[in-house]
């Protein structure tokens, strides 16, 4: 039997590990996008068929505000938010939600974005005309946030968008090199 303390400790450890993975993945993805390098991720876990020319850039574990838990027995406690894997591609973000269906949102349809990658407050809020705000959250969010900034503001925004500052803090960007061996443009 797992105690509440053990469960809380396990969640804290998962969040710490996931946050570190997301920061490292987000940094690497920013460099790949800036330097036009491909990522090597496949869509098989979620069951997504890619569109012609579509490329997967990341798969992230996040909570989504429009997700509904899978039907189950009713109880006194409402189900907690569910963390699901989301594919982040060159054209959209897509996941299989609690209803069993694929749900996706295209970058071209997005008209606004707000993001916060501060540890413990990670959130990406996207606006699409005629829909309620879409909110993804959790410690695995950084690669999705990097992609949103890239798509909605362009490659240059990867260098100075304030929402990506937590990925820059403590990171020696100058030590990161491009594939050509020259210092990366993502230096601070």
C-alpha atoms as a PDB file:
ATOM      1  CA  UNK A   1       0.000   0.000   0.000  1.00  0.00           C
ATOM      2  CA  UNK A   2       1.360   3.383  -0.987  1.00  0.00           C
ATOM      3  CA  UNK A   3       0.945   6.102   1.611  1.00  0.00           C
ATOM      4  CA  UNK A   4      -0.124   9.651   0.745  1.00  0.00           C
ATOM      5  CA  UNK A   5       3.381  10.833   1.595  1.00  0.00           C
ATOM      6  CA  UNK A   6       4.975   8.272  -0.724  1.00  0.00           C
ATOM      7  CA  UNK A   7       2.540   9.202  -3.503  1.00  0.00           C
ATOM      8  CA  UNK A   8       3.269  12.930  -3.057  1.00  0.00           C
ATOM      9  CA  UNK A   9       7.017  12.227  -3.107  1.00  0.00           C
ATOM     10  CA  UNK A  10       6.660  10.174  -6.296  1.00  0.00           C
ATOM     11  CA  UNK A  11       4.652  12.950  -7.984  1.00  0.00           C
ATOM     12  CA  UNK A  12       7.235  15.562  -6.967  1.00  0.00           C
ATOM     13  CA  UNK A  13      10.033  13.386  -8.361  1.00  0.00           C
ATOM     14  CA  UNK A  14       8.110  12.821 -11.634  1.00  0.00           C
ATOM     15  CA  UNK A  15       7.497  16.555 -11.978  1.00  0.00           C
ATOM     16  CA  UNK A  16      11.186  17.344 -11.371  1.00  0.00           C
ATOM     17  CA  UNK A  17      12.369  14.713 -13.855  1.00  0.00           C
ATOM     18  CA  UNK A  18       9.761  15.703 -16.449  1.00  0.00           C
ATOM     19  CA  UNK A  19      10.562  19.421 -16.063  1.00  0.00           C
ATOM     20  CA  UNK A  20      14.282  18.740 -16.637  1.00  0.00           C
ATOM     21  CA  UNK A  21      13.518  16.536 -19.667  1.00  0.00           C
ATOM     22  CA  UNK A  22      11.193  19.217 -21.076  1.00  0.00           C
ATOM     23  CA  UNK A  23      13.756  22.000 -20.596  1.00  0.00           C
ATOM     24  CA  UNK A  24      16.500  19.957 -22.277  1.00  0.00           C
ATOM     25  CA  UNK A  25      14.159  18.890 -25.085  1.00  0.00           C
ATOM     26  CA  UNK A  26      12.857  22.440 -25.525  1.00  0.00           C
ATOM     27  CA  UNK A  27      16.396  23.830 -25.775  1.00  0.00           C
ATOM     28  CA  UNK A  28      17.401  21.176 -28.298  1.00  0.00           C
ATOM     29  CA  UNK A  29      14.219  21.738 -30.299  1.00  0.00           C
ATOM     30  CA  UNK A  30      14.803  25.507 -30.379  1.00  0.00           C
ATOM     31  CA  UNK A  31      18.250  24.883 -31.847  1.00  0.00           C
ATOM     32  CA  UNK A  32      16.905  22.337 -34.335  1.00  0.00           C
ATOM     33  CA  UNK A  33      14.157  24.697 -35.488  1.00  0.00           C
ATOM     34  CA  UNK A  34      16.483  27.681 -35.696  1.00  0.00           C
ATOM     35  CA  UNK A  35      19.038  25.684 -37.726  1.00  0.00           C
ATOM     36  CA  UNK A  36      16.408  23.803 -39.812  1.00  0.00           C
ATOM     37  CA  UNK A  37      17.457  20.366 -38.516  1.00  0.00           C
ATOM     38  CA  UNK A  38      14.993  17.432 -38.481  1.00  0.00           C
ATOM     39  CA  UNK A  39      13.807  15.708 -35.306  1.00  0.00           C
ATOM     40  CA  UNK A  40      13.529  11.909 -35.122  1.00  0.00           C
ATOM     41  CA  UNK A  41      10.160  11.162 -33.480  1.00  0.00           C
ATOM     42  CA  UNK A  42       7.401   8.848 -34.722  1.00  0.00           C
ATOM     43  CA  UNK A  43       3.589   9.221 -34.265  1.00  0.00           C
ATOM     44  CA  UNK A  44       2.797   5.589 -33.509  1.00  0.00           C
ATOM     45  CA  UNK A  45       1.959   5.894 -29.786  1.00  0.00           C
ATOM     46  CA  UNK A  46      -1.001   8.189 -30.406  1.00  0.00           C
ATOM     47  CA  UNK A  47      -2.109   6.743 -33.735  1.00  0.00           C
ATOM     48  CA  UNK A  48      -1.873   9.919 -35.780  1.00  0.00           C
ATOM     49  CA  UNK A  49      -1.522   9.777 -39.546  1.00  0.00           C
ATOM     50  CA  UNK A  50       0.577  12.718 -40.649  1.00  0.00           C
ATOM     51  CA  UNK A  51      -0.404  15.038 -43.487  1.00  0.00           C
ATOM     52  CA  UNK A  52       1.830  15.279 -46.548  1.00  0.00           C
ATOM     53  CA  UNK A  53       4.963  17.196 -45.573  1.00  0.00           C
ATOM     54  CA  UNK A  54       4.097  17.241 -41.864  1.00  0.00           C
ATOM     55  CA  UNK A  55       6.984  16.606 -39.454  1.00  0.00           C
ATOM     56  CA  UNK A  56       6.842  15.627 -35.784  1.00  0.00           C
ATOM     57  CA  UNK A  57       8.995  17.802 -33.552  1.00  0.00           C
ATOM     58  CA  UNK A  58       8.111  16.509 -30.080  1.00  0.00           C
ATOM     59  CA  UNK A  59       5.800  14.382 -27.989  1.00  0.00           C
ATOM     60  CA  UNK A  60       4.996  15.947 -24.624  1.00  0.00           C
ATOM     61  CA  UNK A  61       3.080  14.834 -21.512  1.00  0.00           C
ATOM     62  CA  UNK A  62       0.660  17.657 -20.611  1.00  0.00           C
ATOM     63  CA  UNK A  63      -2.776  18.400 -19.186  1.00  0.00           C
ATOM     64  CA  UNK A  64      -5.315  19.997 -21.554  1.00  0.00           C
ATOM     65  CA  UNK A  65      -8.247  22.110 -20.338  1.00  0.00           C
ATOM     66  CA  UNK A  66     -10.682  20.740 -22.963  1.00  0.00           C
ATOM     67  CA  UNK A  67     -10.019  17.086 -22.046  1.00  0.00           C
ATOM     68  CA  UNK A  68     -12.688  15.057 -20.312  1.00  0.00           C
ATOM     69  CA  UNK A  69     -11.781  12.004 -18.261  1.00  0.00           C
ATOM     70  CA  UNK A  70     -12.693   8.626 -19.681  1.00  0.00           C
ATOM     71  CA  UNK A  71     -16.106   7.424 -18.465  1.00  0.00           C
ATOM     72  CA  UNK A  72     -15.868   5.449 -15.275  1.00  0.00           C
ATOM     73  CA  UNK A  73     -17.713   4.711 -12.074  1.00  0.00           C
ATOM     74  CA  UNK A  74     -19.073   7.753 -10.287  1.00  0.00           C
ATOM     75  CA  UNK A  75     -17.549   8.506  -6.930  1.00  0.00           C
ATOM     76  CA  UNK A  76     -17.395  11.187  -4.277  1.00  0.00           C
ATOM     77  CA  UNK A  77     -14.122  12.618  -5.632  1.00  0.00           C
ATOM     78  CA  UNK A  78     -13.990  14.124  -9.129  1.00  0.00           C
ATOM     79  CA  UNK A  79     -11.223  12.670 -11.294  1.00  0.00           C
ATOM     80  CA  UNK A  80      -7.955  14.588 -11.374  1.00  0.00           C
ATOM     81  CA  UNK A  81      -6.710  16.233 -14.538  1.00  0.00           C
ATOM     82  CA  UNK A  82      -5.264  13.656 -16.871  1.00  0.00           C
ATOM     83  CA  UNK A  83      -1.797  13.920 -18.338  1.00  0.00           C
ATOM     84  CA  UNK A  84      -1.806  12.751 -21.950  1.00  0.00           C
ATOM     85  CA  UNK A  85       0.859  12.586 -24.652  1.00  0.00           C
ATOM     86  CA  UNK A  86       0.501  15.313 -27.293  1.00  0.00           C
ATOM     87  CA  UNK A  87       2.294  15.279 -30.622  1.00  0.00           C
ATOM     88  CA  UNK A  88       3.754  18.624 -31.590  1.00  0.00           C
ATOM     89  CA  UNK A  89       4.229  18.823 -35.348  1.00  0.00           C
ATOM     90  CA  UNK A  90       5.146  21.307 -38.025  1.00  0.00           C
ATOM     91  CA  UNK A  91       1.422  21.847 -38.694  1.00  0.00           C
ATOM     92  CA  UNK A  92      -0.493  21.157 -35.471  1.00  0.00           C
ATOM     93  CA  UNK A  93      -0.704  19.767 -31.961  1.00  0.00           C
ATOM     94  CA  UNK A  94      -2.730  16.564 -31.645  1.00  0.00           C
ATOM     95  CA  UNK A  95      -3.665  13.994 -28.994  1.00  0.00           C
ATOM     96  CA  UNK A  96      -6.097  11.213 -28.270  1.00  0.00           C
ATOM     97  CA  UNK A  97      -8.231  12.495 -25.404  1.00  0.00           C
ATOM     98  CA  UNK A  98     -10.448  10.842 -22.819  1.00  0.00           C
ATOM     99  CA  UNK A  99     -13.294  10.425 -25.295  1.00  0.00           C
ATOM    100  CA  UNK A 100     -11.048   8.148 -27.406  1.00  0.00           C
ATOM    101  CA  UNK A 101     -10.950  10.537 -30.377  1.00  0.00           C
ATOM    102  CA  UNK A 102      -8.040  12.466 -31.846  1.00  0.00           C
ATOM    103  CA  UNK A 103      -8.209  16.214 -31.222  1.00  0.00           C
ATOM    104  CA  UNK A 104      -5.897  18.576 -33.039  1.00  0.00           C
ATOM    105  CA  UNK A 105      -5.331  22.280 -33.427  1.00  0.00           C
ATOM    106  CA  UNK A 106      -3.475  23.805 -36.380  1.00  0.00           C
ATOM    107  CA  UNK A 107      -0.847  26.491 -35.931  1.00  0.00           C
ATOM    108  CA  UNK A 108      -2.324  28.441 -38.864  1.00  0.00           C
ATOM    109  CA  UNK A 109      -5.629  28.828 -36.987  1.00  0.00           C
ATOM    110  CA  UNK A 110      -4.049  30.328 -33.858  1.00  0.00           C
ATOM    111  CA  UNK A 111      -4.303  34.086 -33.389  1.00  0.00           C
ATOM    112  CA  UNK A 112      -2.880  34.599 -29.899  1.00  0.00           C
ATOM    113  CA  UNK A 113      -0.588  32.941 -27.394  1.00  0.00           C
ATOM    114  CA  UNK A 114       0.485  33.458 -23.789  1.00  0.00           C
ATOM    115  CA  UNK A 115       3.018  31.263 -22.078  1.00  0.00           C
ATOM    116  CA  UNK A 116       4.706  30.841 -18.740  1.00  0.00           C
ATOM    117  CA  UNK A 117       7.448  28.259 -18.230  1.00  0.00           C
ATOM    118  CA  UNK A 118       8.245  29.183 -14.620  1.00  0.00           C
ATOM    119  CA  UNK A 119       8.567  25.917 -12.663  1.00  0.00           C
ATOM    120  CA  UNK A 120       5.259  24.972 -11.100  1.00  0.00           C
ATOM    121  CA  UNK A 121       3.316  27.433 -13.273  1.00  0.00           C
ATOM    122  CA  UNK A 122       3.951  25.980 -16.738  1.00  0.00           C
ATOM    123  CA  UNK A 123       1.080  26.964 -19.024  1.00  0.00           C
ATOM    124  CA  UNK A 124       0.520  27.650 -22.714  1.00  0.00           C
ATOM    125  CA  UNK A 125      -2.706  29.490 -23.561  1.00  0.00           C
ATOM    126  CA  UNK A 126      -3.697  29.668 -27.234  1.00  0.00           C
ATOM    127  CA  UNK A 127      -6.509  31.652 -28.805  1.00  0.00           C
ATOM    128  CA  UNK A 128      -8.382  30.503 -31.914  1.00  0.00           C
ATOM    129  CA  UNK A 129     -11.179  32.699 -33.289  1.00  0.00           C
ATOM    130  CA  UNK A 130     -14.585  31.409 -32.232  1.00  0.00           C
ATOM    131  CA  UNK A 131     -13.288  28.926 -29.623  1.00  0.00           C
ATOM    132  CA  UNK A 132     -12.671  29.109 -25.902  1.00  0.00           C
ATOM    133  CA  UNK A 133      -9.019  29.524 -24.931  1.00  0.00           C
ATOM    134  CA  UNK A 134      -7.017  26.325 -25.191  1.00  0.00           C
ATOM    135  CA  UNK A 135      -4.730  25.709 -22.216  1.00  0.00           C
ATOM    136  CA  UNK A 136      -1.989  23.106 -21.947  1.00  0.00           C
ATOM    137  CA  UNK A 137      -0.118  22.837 -18.661  1.00  0.00           C
ATOM    138  CA  UNK A 138       2.388  20.794 -16.724  1.00  0.00           C
ATOM    139  CA  UNK A 139       6.115  20.306 -16.342  1.00  0.00           C
ATOM    140  CA  UNK A 140       6.461  18.654 -19.794  1.00  0.00           C
ATOM    141  CA  UNK A 141       5.280  21.754 -21.681  1.00  0.00           C
ATOM    142  CA  UNK A 142       8.554  23.386 -22.858  1.00  0.00           C
ATOM    143  CA  UNK A 143       8.868  21.716 -26.301  1.00  0.00           C
ATOM    144  CA  UNK A 144       5.266  22.669 -27.165  1.00  0.00           C
ATOM    145  CA  UNK A 145       5.909  26.252 -26.010  1.00  0.00           C
ATOM    146  CA  UNK A 146       9.064  26.469 -28.150  1.00  0.00           C
ATOM    147  CA  UNK A 147       7.100  25.287 -31.178  1.00  0.00           C
ATOM    148  CA  UNK A 148       4.264  27.746 -30.524  1.00  0.00           C
ATOM    149  CA  UNK A 149       6.726  30.658 -30.369  1.00  0.00           C
ATOM    150  CA  UNK A 150       8.467  29.439 -33.539  1.00  0.00           C
ATOM    151  CA  UNK A 151       5.214  29.106 -35.497  1.00  0.00           C
ATOM    152  CA  UNK A 152       3.429  32.182 -34.261  1.00  0.00           C
ATOM    153  CA  UNK A 153       6.337  34.641 -34.062  1.00  0.00           C
ATOM    154  CA  UNK A 154       9.107  33.169 -36.251  1.00  0.00           C
ATOM    155  CA  UNK A 155      12.586  31.765 -35.665  1.00  0.00           C
ATOM    156  CA  UNK A 156      14.001  35.065 -34.389  1.00  0.00           C
ATOM    157  CA  UNK A 157      11.554  34.977 -31.452  1.00  0.00           C
ATOM    158  CA  UNK A 158      13.301  31.843 -30.173  1.00  0.00           C
ATOM    159  CA  UNK A 159      16.162  34.165 -29.238  1.00  0.00           C
ATOM    160  CA  UNK A 160      14.251  36.739 -27.221  1.00  0.00           C
ATOM    161  CA  UNK A 161      10.626  35.790 -26.463  1.00  0.00           C
ATOM    162  CA  UNK A 162      10.224  36.446 -22.719  1.00  0.00           C
ATOM    163  CA  UNK A 163       8.083  33.329 -22.259  1.00  0.00           C
ATOM    164  CA  UNK A 164      11.102  31.171 -23.101  1.00  0.00           C
ATOM    165  CA  UNK A 165      13.382  32.869 -20.543  1.00  0.00           C
ATOM    166  CA  UNK A 166      13.291  29.915 -18.111  1.00  0.00           C
ATOM    167  CA  UNK A 167      14.910  27.793 -20.840  1.00  0.00           C
ATOM    168  CA  UNK A 168      17.705  30.321 -21.120  1.00  0.00           C
ATOM    169  CA  UNK A 169      18.336  30.801 -17.391  1.00  0.00           C
ATOM    170  CA  UNK A 170      21.406  28.917 -16.244  1.00  0.00           C
ATOM    171  CA  UNK A 171      21.999  27.533 -19.722  1.00  0.00           C
ATOM    172  CA  UNK A 172      25.349  28.232 -21.345  1.00  0.00           C
ATOM    173  CA  UNK A 173      23.970  28.868 -24.820  1.00  0.00           C
ATOM    174  CA  UNK A 174      27.411  29.952 -25.994  1.00  0.00           C
ATOM    175  CA  UNK A 175      28.664  26.407 -25.407  1.00  0.00           C
ATOM    176  CA  UNK A 176      26.016  25.030 -27.751  1.00  0.00           C
ATOM    177  CA  UNK A 177      27.205  24.732 -31.328  1.00  0.00           C
ATOM    178  CA  UNK A 178      25.433  24.376 -34.611  1.00  0.00           C
ATOM    179  CA  UNK A 179      25.980  21.356 -36.831  1.00  0.00           C
ATOM    180  CA  UNK A 180      28.544  23.373 -38.770  1.00  0.00           C
ATOM    181  CA  UNK A 181      30.637  23.695 -35.608  1.00  0.00           C
ATOM    182  CA  UNK A 182      30.111  27.466 -35.404  1.00  0.00           C
ATOM    183  CA  UNK A 183      28.700  28.988 -32.209  1.00  0.00           C
ATOM    184  CA  UNK A 184      24.927  28.890 -32.254  1.00  0.00           C
ATOM    185  CA  UNK A 185      22.916  32.029 -32.889  1.00  0.00           C
ATOM    186  CA  UNK A 186      21.121  31.149 -29.642  1.00  0.00           C
ATOM    187  CA  UNK A 187      23.816  32.685 -27.474  1.00  0.00           C
ATOM    188  CA  UNK A 188      23.038  35.078 -24.662  1.00  0.00           C
END
